[in-house]
Amino acid sequence: MTNYRCYDHRIKQMIADTGNPNLFPQLNIPPSTSREWIKKRTFDVVTLSELNYSNDELATQVSQLKGEIEKLKTM
């Protein structure tokens, strides 16, 4: 049975975008794997709908949470 290693989609995308298969030498990614990423160029990403916020929505949420923290601190 072969053990497959999983890599974060951002690592795959960075290697594909730069075309540099040795971008993260500390991860010991097999050359055949990084070459395949460079050849493929785009990757499917599975995520939760709760994580699909725009930057504006995230900034609003952070601001609201900071306000709540300040209220709790004064209590």
N, C-alpha and C. Protein backbone atom coordinates (compact mmCIF):
# COMPACT_ATOMS: atom_id res chain seq x y z
N MET A 1 0.85 -1.18 0.00
CA MET A 1 0.00 0.00 0.00
C MET A 1 0.89 1.24 0.00
N THR A 2 0.58 2.18 -0.86
CA THR A 2 1.36 3.41 -0.99
C THR A 2 0.77 4.49 -0.10
N ASN A 3 1.64 5.18 0.62
CA ASN A 3 1.20 6.31 1.44
C ASN A 3 1.34 7.58 0.62
N TYR A 4 0.24 8.31 0.45
CA TYR A 4 0.27 9.55 -0.28
C TYR A 4 0.34 10.70 0.69
N ARG A 5 1.19 11.68 0.38
CA ARG A 5 1.29 12.87 1.21
C ARG A 5 0.37 13.93 0.66
N CYS A 6 -0.20 14.71 1.54
CA CYS A 6 -1.10 15.79 1.14
C CYS A 6 -0.38 17.12 1.35
N TYR A 7 -0.62 18.04 0.44
CA TYR A 7 -0.01 19.36 0.53
C TYR A 7 -1.10 20.42 0.46
N ASP A 8 -0.89 21.50 1.15
CA ASP A 8 -1.82 22.63 1.14
C ASP A 8 -1.92 23.17 -0.29
N HIS A 9 -3.14 23.54 -0.68
CA HIS A 9 -3.36 24.03 -2.04
C HIS A 9 -2.56 25.29 -2.34
N ARG A 10 -2.26 26.09 -1.31
CA ARG A 10 -1.48 27.31 -1.54
C ARG A 10 -0.04 26.99 -1.89
N ILE A 11 0.49 25.92 -1.32
CA ILE A 11 1.86 25.49 -1.67
C ILE A 11 1.88 25.03 -3.12
N LYS A 12 0.90 24.22 -3.49
CA LYS A 12 0.82 23.74 -4.87
C LYS A 12 0.73 24.90 -5.84
N GLN A 13 -0.14 25.87 -5.51
CA GLN A 13 -0.35 27.00 -6.41
C GLN A 13 0.90 27.86 -6.53
N MET A 14 1.62 28.08 -5.42
CA MET A 14 2.84 28.89 -5.47
C MET A 14 3.90 28.23 -6.34
N ILE A 15 4.04 26.91 -6.21
CA ILE A 15 5.01 26.20 -7.04
C ILE A 15 4.61 26.27 -8.50
N ALA A 16 3.32 26.09 -8.78
CA ALA A 16 2.83 26.17 -10.16
C ALA A 16 3.02 27.57 -10.73
N ASP A 17 2.72 28.60 -9.94
CA ASP A 17 2.82 29.99 -10.41
C ASP A 17 4.26 30.39 -10.70
N THR A 18 5.19 29.96 -9.84
CA THR A 18 6.58 30.34 -10.01
C THR A 18 7.31 29.44 -10.99
N GLY A 19 6.81 28.22 -11.17
CA GLY A 19 7.50 27.26 -12.03
C GLY A 19 8.75 26.71 -11.38
N ASN A 20 8.91 26.95 -10.08
CA ASN A 20 10.10 26.50 -9.36
C ASN A 20 9.76 25.26 -8.53
N PRO A 21 10.19 24.07 -8.97
CA PRO A 21 9.86 22.85 -8.23
C PRO A 21 10.59 22.74 -6.88
N ASN A 22 11.58 23.59 -6.67
CA ASN A 22 12.36 23.55 -5.41
C ASN A 22 12.05 24.74 -4.51
N LEU A 23 10.85 25.29 -4.64
CA LEU A 23 10.49 26.48 -3.88
C LEU A 23 10.47 26.23 -2.37
N PHE A 24 10.08 25.04 -1.95
CA PHE A 24 10.02 24.69 -0.53
C PHE A 24 10.87 23.44 -0.27
N PRO A 25 12.20 23.59 -0.26
CA PRO A 25 13.05 22.40 -0.11
C PRO A 25 12.85 21.68 1.23
N GLN A 26 12.44 22.41 2.26
CA GLN A 26 12.25 21.81 3.57
C GLN A 26 11.10 20.81 3.61
N LEU A 27 10.21 20.86 2.61
CA LEU A 27 9.07 19.94 2.58
C LEU A 27 9.39 18.61 1.89
N ASN A 28 10.56 18.54 1.25
CA ASN A 28 10.98 17.31 0.56
C ASN A 28 9.91 16.80 -0.40
N ILE A 29 9.37 17.69 -1.21
CA ILE A 29 8.35 17.32 -2.20
C ILE A 29 9.05 16.58 -3.33
N PRO A 30 8.58 15.39 -3.68
CA PRO A 30 9.21 14.65 -4.78
C PRO A 30 9.18 15.47 -6.07
N PRO A 31 10.27 15.44 -6.84
CA PRO A 31 10.33 16.22 -8.08
C PRO A 31 9.19 15.91 -9.05
N SER A 32 8.80 14.66 -9.11
CA SER A 32 7.71 14.29 -10.02
C SER A 32 6.39 14.95 -9.61
N THR A 33 6.19 15.11 -8.31
CA THR A 33 4.98 15.74 -7.80
C THR A 33 4.96 17.23 -8.16
N SER A 34 6.06 17.93 -7.87
CA SER A 34 6.10 19.37 -8.17
C SER A 34 6.05 19.63 -9.67
N ARG A 35 6.64 18.76 -10.48
CA ARG A 35 6.55 18.92 -11.94
C ARG A 35 5.11 18.77 -12.41
N GLU A 36 4.37 17.85 -11.82
CA GLU A 36 2.97 17.66 -12.16
C GLU A 36 2.15 18.90 -11.81
N TRP A 37 2.43 19.53 -10.67
CA TRP A 37 1.73 20.75 -10.27
C TRP A 37 2.00 21.87 -11.26
N ILE A 38 3.27 21.98 -11.68
CA ILE A 38 3.64 23.03 -12.63
C ILE A 38 2.92 22.79 -13.96
N LYS A 39 2.82 21.55 -14.35
CA LYS A 39 2.14 21.22 -15.60
C LYS A 39 0.63 21.48 -15.51
N LYS A 40 0.04 21.17 -14.37
CA LYS A 40 -1.41 21.28 -14.18
C LYS A 40 -1.85 22.75 -14.02
N ARG A 41 -1.10 23.54 -13.25
CA ARG A 41 -1.30 24.98 -13.05
C ARG A 41 -2.47 25.39 -12.16
N THR A 42 -3.60 24.70 -12.15
CA THR A 42 -4.72 25.09 -11.28
C THR A 42 -5.18 23.88 -10.47
N PHE A 43 -5.79 24.16 -9.33
CA PHE A 43 -6.15 23.09 -8.40
C PHE A 43 -7.53 23.32 -7.84
N ASP A 44 -8.26 22.24 -7.67
CA ASP A 44 -9.55 22.30 -7.02
C ASP A 44 -9.33 22.44 -5.53
N VAL A 45 -10.10 23.32 -4.90
CA VAL A 45 -9.98 23.54 -3.47
C VAL A 45 -11.34 23.28 -2.85
N VAL A 46 -11.35 22.42 -1.84
CA VAL A 46 -12.58 22.13 -1.11
C VAL A 46 -12.55 22.95 0.16
N THR A 47 -13.62 23.68 0.41
CA THR A 47 -13.67 24.54 1.59
C THR A 47 -15.08 24.54 2.16
N LEU A 48 -15.24 25.14 3.30
CA LEU A 48 -16.54 25.29 3.93
C LEU A 48 -17.16 26.61 3.51
N SER A 49 -18.45 26.63 3.36
CA SER A 49 -19.11 27.88 2.97
C SER A 49 -18.88 28.98 3.99
N GLU A 50 -18.67 28.61 5.25
CA GLU A 50 -18.42 29.60 6.30
C GLU A 50 -17.11 30.35 6.07
N LEU A 51 -16.23 29.80 5.26
CA LEU A 51 -14.93 30.42 5.04
C LEU A 51 -14.90 31.29 3.79
N ASN A 52 -16.00 31.39 3.09
CA ASN A 52 -16.04 32.14 1.84
C ASN A 52 -16.48 33.59 2.05
N TYR A 53 -15.77 34.31 2.89
CA TYR A 53 -16.07 35.71 3.15
C TYR A 53 -15.17 36.59 2.30
N SER A 54 -15.69 37.74 1.89
CA SER A 54 -14.85 38.71 1.19
C SER A 54 -14.00 39.44 2.22
N ASN A 55 -13.01 40.18 1.74
CA ASN A 55 -12.16 40.95 2.66
C ASN A 55 -12.97 41.98 3.43
N ASP A 56 -13.94 42.61 2.76
CA ASP A 56 -14.79 43.60 3.43
C ASP A 56 -15.62 42.95 4.54
N GLU A 57 -16.17 41.78 4.26
CA GLU A 57 -16.96 41.07 5.28
C GLU A 57 -16.10 40.68 6.46
N LEU A 58 -14.88 40.24 6.19
CA LEU A 58 -13.98 39.87 7.27
C LEU A 58 -13.59 41.09 8.11
N ALA A 59 -13.32 42.21 7.45
CA ALA A 59 -12.96 43.43 8.17
C ALA A 59 -14.12 43.89 9.06
N THR A 60 -15.33 43.81 8.55
CA THR A 60 -16.51 44.18 9.34
C THR A 60 -16.65 43.27 10.55
N GLN A 61 -16.48 41.99 10.32
CA GLN A 61 -16.60 41.01 11.42
C GLN A 61 -15.53 41.24 12.48
N VAL A 62 -14.31 41.52 12.06
CA VAL A 62 -13.22 41.79 13.01
C VAL A 62 -13.55 43.04 13.83
N SER A 63 -14.03 44.07 13.16
CA SER A 63 -14.38 45.31 13.85
C SER A 63 -15.47 45.07 14.90
N GLN A 64 -16.50 44.32 14.54
CA GLN A 64 -17.57 44.00 15.47
C GLN A 64 -17.05 43.20 16.66
N LEU A 65 -16.20 42.23 16.39
CA LEU A 65 -15.66 41.41 17.48
C LEU A 65 -14.77 42.23 18.40
N LYS A 66 -14.01 43.16 17.85
CA LYS A 66 -13.18 44.03 18.69
C LYS A 66 -14.07 44.87 19.61
N GLY A 67 -15.19 45.35 19.07
CA GLY A 67 -16.13 46.11 19.89
C GLY A 67 -16.70 45.27 21.03
N GLU A 68 -17.05 44.05 20.73
CA GLU A 68 -17.57 43.13 21.75
C GLU A 68 -16.52 42.85 22.82
N ILE A 69 -15.27 42.70 22.41
CA ILE A 69 -14.18 42.45 23.36
C ILE A 69 -14.03 43.64 24.31
N GLU A 70 -14.09 44.85 23.76
CA GLU A 70 -13.96 46.04 24.59
C GLU A 70 -15.12 46.13 25.60
N LYS A 71 -16.33 45.80 25.16
CA LYS A 71 -17.48 45.80 26.08
C LYS A 71 -17.27 44.79 27.20
N LEU A 72 -16.78 43.62 26.85
CA LEU A 72 -16.56 42.56 27.86
C LEU A 72 -15.44 42.95 28.83
N LYS A 73 -14.44 43.64 28.33
CA LYS A 73 -13.34 44.09 29.20
C LYS A 73 -13.83 45.08 30.25
N THR A 74 -14.76 45.94 29.86
CA THR A 74 -15.25 46.95 30.81
C THR A 74 -16.18 46.36 31.85
N MET A 75 -16.76 45.20 31.58
CA MET A 75 -17.66 44.56 32.53
C MET A 75 -16.83 44.02 33.64
